[in-house]
Amino acid sequence: MKALIQRVQQASVKVEHQTVGEINQGIAILLGIRNSDTEKDIDYIVNKILNIRIFPGQHSHFDQSVTEIKGELLVVSQFTLHADIKKGRRPSFSDAAKSDAAKNLFDKTILLLKKSDLKIETGTFGADMLVEIHNDGPVTLMIDSKTN
């Protein structure tokens, strides 16, 4: 499982010109699920997202977590994070989980994130979405449950 996270001042996602998710200060998360991902990967990703210190505090620019600042989370499914572009000019998505399996793990990820009592917003799984991200810093990190 991969999560491209960005510290944001605000972020939103629209489907068919309608806003379906919107947050203020917090983290925008583009979440990619691969064929081999399990609930163990969910636990790893959620723990990292909630506890990684990417917000400023008294001692450093990277001193507090989204949980500590009581920030908000916007989670958008992003199968293209698992694109293989080694051969040819067209990406291959053979490592990305099939839609049903990915949706199941995506939904479980959202349920686990909601236990944090932070505001959690999402896009619409499988939809064509327009994501607007106001990256703060900019701070952008890739979390990969298989390599981190």
C-alpha atoms as a PDB file:
ATOM      1  CA  MET A   1       0.000   0.000   0.000  1.00  0.00           C
ATOM      2  CA  LYS A   2       1.264   3.438  -0.874  1.00  0.00           C
ATOM      3  CA  ALA A   3       0.131   6.747   0.543  1.00  0.00           C
ATOM      4  CA  LEU A   4       1.367   9.957  -0.992  1.00  0.00           C
ATOM      5  CA  ILE A   5       0.713  12.467   1.768  1.00  0.00           C
ATOM      6  CA  GLN A   6       0.804  16.234   1.572  1.00  0.00           C
ATOM      7  CA  ARG A   7       0.588  18.737   4.404  1.00  0.00           C
ATOM      8  CA  VAL A   8      -2.173  21.117   3.339  1.00  0.00           C
ATOM      9  CA  GLN A   9      -3.845  24.337   4.359  1.00  0.00           C
ATOM     10  CA  GLN A  10      -6.917  23.117   2.494  1.00  0.00           C
ATOM     11  CA  ALA A  11      -7.892  20.428   0.005  1.00  0.00           C
ATOM     12  CA  SER A  12     -11.019  19.292  -1.766  1.00  0.00           C
ATOM     13  CA  VAL A  13     -12.253  16.698  -4.220  1.00  0.00           C
ATOM     14  CA  LYS A  14     -15.056  17.064  -6.767  1.00  0.00           C
ATOM     15  CA  VAL A  15     -16.983  14.457  -8.733  1.00  0.00           C
ATOM     16  CA  GLU A  16     -19.078  15.716 -11.658  1.00  0.00           C
ATOM     17  CA  HIS A  17     -18.589  19.345 -10.533  1.00  0.00           C
ATOM     18  CA  GLN A  18     -19.900  18.590  -7.012  1.00  0.00           C
ATOM     19  CA  THR A  19     -17.640  18.795  -3.962  1.00  0.00           C
ATOM     20  CA  VAL A  20     -17.728  15.409  -2.218  1.00  0.00           C
ATOM     21  CA  GLY A  21     -14.924  16.027   0.300  1.00  0.00           C
ATOM     22  CA  GLU A  22     -13.233  19.101   1.711  1.00  0.00           C
ATOM     23  CA  ILE A  23     -10.786  19.799   4.542  1.00  0.00           C
ATOM     24  CA  ASN A  24      -8.848  22.647   6.056  1.00  0.00           C
ATOM     25  CA  GLN A  25      -5.440  22.250   7.750  1.00  0.00           C
ATOM     26  CA  GLY A  26      -4.321  18.646   7.723  1.00  0.00           C
ATOM     27  CA  ILE A  27      -3.168  15.974   5.295  1.00  0.00           C
ATOM     28  CA  ALA A  28      -4.313  15.133   1.775  1.00  0.00           C
ATOM     29  CA  ILE A  29      -3.734  11.440   1.147  1.00  0.00           C
ATOM     30  CA  LEU A  30      -3.571   9.775  -2.253  1.00  0.00           C
ATOM     31  CA  LEU A  31      -3.930   6.079  -1.430  1.00  0.00           C
ATOM     32  CA  GLY A  32      -2.851   3.308  -3.773  1.00  0.00           C
ATOM     33  CA  ILE A  33      -3.614  -0.336  -3.028  1.00  0.00           C
ATOM     34  CA  ARG A  34      -1.646  -3.187  -4.595  1.00  0.00           C
ATOM     35  CA  ASN A  35      -2.562  -6.823  -5.229  1.00  0.00           C
ATOM     36  CA  SER A  36      -0.621  -8.135  -2.250  1.00  0.00           C
ATOM     37  CA  ASP A  37      -1.902  -5.656   0.359  1.00  0.00           C
ATOM     38  CA  THR A  38      -3.589  -6.912   3.524  1.00  0.00           C
ATOM     39  CA  GLU A  39      -4.980  -5.469   6.733  1.00  0.00           C
ATOM     40  CA  LYS A  40      -1.408  -5.445   8.071  1.00  0.00           C
ATOM     41  CA  ASP A  41      -0.584  -2.857   5.395  1.00  0.00           C
ATOM     42  CA  ILE A  42      -3.584  -0.796   6.482  1.00  0.00           C
ATOM     43  CA  ASP A  43      -2.360  -0.778  10.092  1.00  0.00           C
ATOM     44  CA  TYR A  44       1.093   0.376   9.009  1.00  0.00           C
ATOM     45  CA  ILE A  45      -0.178   3.161   6.729  1.00  0.00           C
ATOM     46  CA  VAL A  46      -2.763   4.464   9.208  1.00  0.00           C
ATOM     47  CA  ASN A  47      -0.247   4.504  12.065  1.00  0.00           C
ATOM     48  CA  LYS A  48       2.232   6.471   9.943  1.00  0.00           C
ATOM     49  CA  ILE A  49      -0.359   8.958   8.702  1.00  0.00           C
ATOM     50  CA  LEU A  50      -1.706   9.694  12.173  1.00  0.00           C
ATOM     51  CA  ASN A  51       1.656   9.924  13.912  1.00  0.00           C
ATOM     52  CA  ILE A  52       4.251  11.246  11.462  1.00  0.00           C
ATOM     53  CA  ARG A  53       5.478  14.649  12.586  1.00  0.00           C
ATOM     54  CA  ILE A  54       5.110  16.972   9.614  1.00  0.00           C
ATOM     55  CA  PHE A  55       3.529  20.019  11.269  1.00  0.00           C
ATOM     56  CA  PRO A  56       5.439  22.868  12.897  1.00  0.00           C
ATOM     57  CA  GLY A  57       5.682  23.211  16.647  1.00  0.00           C
ATOM     58  CA  GLN A  58       7.786  25.036  19.205  1.00  0.00           C
ATOM     59  CA  HIS A  59      11.009  23.178  18.453  1.00  0.00           C
ATOM     60  CA  SER A  60      10.965  22.391  14.746  1.00  0.00           C
ATOM     61  CA  HIS A  61       9.172  22.669  11.417  1.00  0.00           C
ATOM     62  CA  PHE A  62       8.490  18.939  11.806  1.00  0.00           C
ATOM     63  CA  ASP A  63       7.418  18.730  15.432  1.00  0.00           C
ATOM     64  CA  GLN A  64       3.761  17.656  15.573  1.00  0.00           C
ATOM     65  CA  SER A  65       1.509  15.039  14.005  1.00  0.00           C
ATOM     66  CA  VAL A  66      -1.918  15.586  12.463  1.00  0.00           C
ATOM     67  CA  THR A  67      -3.347  13.934  15.579  1.00  0.00           C
ATOM     68  CA  GLU A  68      -1.571  16.417  17.870  1.00  0.00           C
ATOM     69  CA  ILE A  69      -2.805  19.457  15.945  1.00  0.00           C
ATOM     70  CA  LYS A  70      -6.289  17.932  15.554  1.00  0.00           C
ATOM     71  CA  GLY A  71      -5.994  18.353  11.790  1.00  0.00           C
ATOM     72  CA  GLU A  72      -8.228  16.960   9.092  1.00  0.00           C
ATOM     73  CA  LEU A  73      -7.709  14.196   6.515  1.00  0.00           C
ATOM     74  CA  LEU A  74      -8.805  13.954   2.887  1.00  0.00           C
ATOM     75  CA  VAL A  75      -8.337  10.456   1.439  1.00  0.00           C
ATOM     76  CA  VAL A  76      -8.540   9.847  -2.308  1.00  0.00           C
ATOM     77  CA  SER A  77      -8.099   6.454  -3.966  1.00  0.00           C
ATOM     78  CA  GLN A  78      -5.219   6.556  -6.472  1.00  0.00           C
ATOM     79  CA  PHE A  79      -4.482   3.268  -8.237  1.00  0.00           C
ATOM     80  CA  THR A  80      -1.944   5.018 -10.490  1.00  0.00           C
ATOM     81  CA  LEU A  81       0.532   5.116  -7.589  1.00  0.00           C
ATOM     82  CA  HIS A  82       1.256   1.494  -8.541  1.00  0.00           C
ATOM     83  CA  ALA A  83       1.978   2.210 -12.195  1.00  0.00           C
ATOM     84  CA  ASP A  84       4.934   0.403 -13.743  1.00  0.00           C
ATOM     85  CA  ILE A  85       6.593   2.666 -16.320  1.00  0.00           C
ATOM     86  CA  LYS A  86       9.782   0.682 -16.940  1.00  0.00           C
ATOM     87  CA  LYS A  87       8.804  -0.585 -20.395  1.00  0.00           C
ATOM     88  CA  GLY A  88       7.267   1.244 -23.282  1.00  0.00           C
ATOM     89  CA  ARG A  89       5.382   4.513 -23.120  1.00  0.00           C
ATOM     90  CA  ARG A  90       2.103   3.376 -21.585  1.00  0.00           C
ATOM     91  CA  PRO A  91       1.969   2.631 -17.855  1.00  0.00           C
ATOM     92  CA  SER A  92       1.068  -0.847 -16.686  1.00  0.00           C
ATOM     93  CA  PHE A  93      -1.175  -1.222 -13.653  1.00  0.00           C
ATOM     94  CA  SER A  94      -0.725  -4.962 -13.151  1.00  0.00           C
ATOM     95  CA  ASP A  95       0.434  -4.433  -9.543  1.00  0.00           C
ATOM     96  CA  ALA A  96      -2.642  -2.366  -8.602  1.00  0.00           C
ATOM     97  CA  ALA A  97      -5.385  -4.277  -6.792  1.00  0.00           C
ATOM     98  CA  LYS A  98      -8.547  -5.075  -8.718  1.00  0.00           C
ATOM     99  CA  SER A  99     -11.452  -2.759  -7.997  1.00  0.00           C
ATOM    100  CA  ASP A 100     -13.456  -4.957  -5.566  1.00  0.00           C
ATOM    101  CA  ALA A 101     -10.437  -5.915  -3.465  1.00  0.00           C
ATOM    102  CA  ALA A 102      -9.107  -2.349  -3.489  1.00  0.00           C
ATOM    103  CA  LYS A 103     -12.464  -0.885  -2.435  1.00  0.00           C
ATOM    104  CA  ASN A 104     -12.667  -3.332   0.456  1.00  0.00           C
ATOM    105  CA  LEU A 105      -9.202  -2.330   1.739  1.00  0.00           C
ATOM    106  CA  PHE A 106      -9.884   1.364   1.061  1.00  0.00           C
ATOM    107  CA  ASP A 107     -13.085   1.223   3.132  1.00  0.00           C
ATOM    108  CA  LYS A 108     -11.263  -0.577   5.959  1.00  0.00           C
ATOM    109  CA  THR A 109      -8.563   2.102   5.893  1.00  0.00           C
ATOM    110  CA  ILE A 110     -11.194   4.828   6.239  1.00  0.00           C
ATOM    111  CA  LEU A 111     -12.848   2.998   9.153  1.00  0.00           C
ATOM    112  CA  LEU A 112      -9.522   2.733  10.970  1.00  0.00           C
ATOM    113  CA  LEU A 113      -8.710   6.405  10.328  1.00  0.00           C
ATOM    114  CA  LYS A 114     -12.122   7.396  11.720  1.00  0.00           C
ATOM    115  CA  LYS A 115     -11.185   5.849  15.074  1.00  0.00           C
ATOM    116  CA  SER A 116      -8.808   8.815  15.484  1.00  0.00           C
ATOM    117  CA  ASP A 117     -11.799  11.159  15.958  1.00  0.00           C
ATOM    118  CA  LEU A 118     -10.294  13.515  13.375  1.00  0.00           C
ATOM    119  CA  LYS A 119     -12.435  14.873  10.543  1.00  0.00           C
ATOM    120  CA  ILE A 120     -12.084  12.394   7.655  1.00  0.00           C
ATOM    121  CA  GLU A 121     -13.305  13.211   4.146  1.00  0.00           C
ATOM    122  CA  THR A 122     -12.969  11.073   1.014  1.00  0.00           C
ATOM    123  CA  GLY A 123     -13.370  11.142  -2.694  1.00  0.00           C
ATOM    124  CA  THR A 124     -15.655   8.686  -4.469  1.00  0.00           C
ATOM    125  CA  PHE A 125     -13.921   5.366  -5.037  1.00  0.00           C
ATOM    126  CA  GLY A 126     -13.470   4.592  -8.736  1.00  0.00           C
ATOM    127  CA  ALA A 127     -14.868   7.923  -9.925  1.00  0.00           C
ATOM    128  CA  ASP A 128     -13.170  10.451 -12.166  1.00  0.00           C
ATOM    129  CA  MET A 129     -12.221  13.099  -9.603  1.00  0.00           C
ATOM    130  CA  LEU A 130     -10.820  16.605  -9.604  1.00  0.00           C
ATOM    131  CA  VAL A 131      -8.550  17.050  -6.582  1.00  0.00           C
ATOM    132  CA  GLU A 132      -7.475  20.495  -5.410  1.00  0.00           C
ATOM    133  CA  ILE A 133      -4.586  20.553  -2.950  1.00  0.00           C
ATOM    134  CA  HIS A 134      -3.064  23.618  -1.307  1.00  0.00           C
ATOM    135  CA  ASN A 135       0.242  22.024  -0.316  1.00  0.00           C
ATOM    136  CA  ASP A 136       1.752  23.755   2.723  1.00  0.00           C
ATOM    137  CA  GLY A 137       5.530  23.975   2.690  1.00  0.00           C
ATOM    138  CA  PRO A 138       5.456  22.225   0.283  1.00  0.00           C
ATOM    139  CA  VAL A 139       5.628  19.008   2.283  1.00  0.00           C
ATOM    140  CA  THR A 140       5.062  15.791   0.318  1.00  0.00           C
ATOM    141  CA  LEU A 141       6.051  12.293   1.476  1.00  0.00           C
ATOM    142  CA  MET A 142       5.582   8.794   0.092  1.00  0.00           C
ATOM    143  CA  ILE A 143       4.729   6.078   2.608  1.00  0.00           C
ATOM    144  CA  ASP A 144       5.023   2.530   1.289  1.00  0.00           C
ATOM    145  CA  SER A 145       4.033  -0.320   3.578  1.00  0.00           C
ATOM    146  CA  LYS A 146       6.324  -2.714   1.699  1.00  0.00           C
ATOM    147  CA  THR A 147       9.536  -0.656   1.635  1.00  0.00           C
ATOM    148  CA  ASN A 148       9.453   1.747   4.614  1.00  0.00           C
END
